[in-house]
Amino acid sequence: MPIEDILFIGGVVGAINTALLYVAKLLVESLIKHEFDEEMERVKSEWRRTDVLNPERLAAFKLLQKNLVSLRRHCEPRVATQLGSEFGPGADDLKDADYNSILGHWNELETRLDEYLIFLSGASRASFDRLRAQLWLGASMELALGSSCPGPEAIASGADRYAAIRNRISECIDAMFDDLGFACTSPPRGTKPGSRLFQRTAVQ
């Protein structure tokens, strides 16, 4: 085969390879751009959803947190009293609304949840379910303690029951902070509800 034909064939093959590489490059760039556009639309959609949900969640959080803080205040003095602590919050620190029974606090919280549960994430709902379980036990305990002859088990379990409710309340507050995109560390056990440390944790 003449050298001219060989060079011609080589040039044709080279041109085809160049064209194929160019087409492949265009396809890859188009695919990357398509994936990028889809990801940007997903992010924008998430931003829009967050912009709509967060104000509603914040409003729900403030109202639910008000109920949770009142319930926590109900529990704290009873834990301190039954443990014989001299430095825990006392009955004098309670507001009028805090004197409600566990059952009364529970009913108020459920009324609030009926209205705002739709704005809570699955994790927050699960934390409230765990709180409900402790409230059921706590309400039963208070009914037993309020009877004319409370059993020794009800008396002995009082501090642990109130402490368990208090811990579940902290979980609920932490979960709602997570819903809003904020990291939250609950105040240490025994923190006085009116203290500055507690106020930094709660939404005012």
Foldseek 3Di string as FASTA:
>chain_A
DDPVVVVVVVVVVVVVVVVVVVVVVVVVVVVVVVVVVVVVVVVVVVVVVLVVLLVLLVVLQQVLLVLLLLQLLLLFQQLCVLVVHPPFDHPVPHDPSSVDALVVSVVVNVVSCVVRVVSADPQLVVLVVQLVVLSVVRNVLVVLVPDPDRDPVSSVCRNVSSVSNNVSSQSNLQRSCVSNVHGADADDPRPHCPDPSNVVRGDD
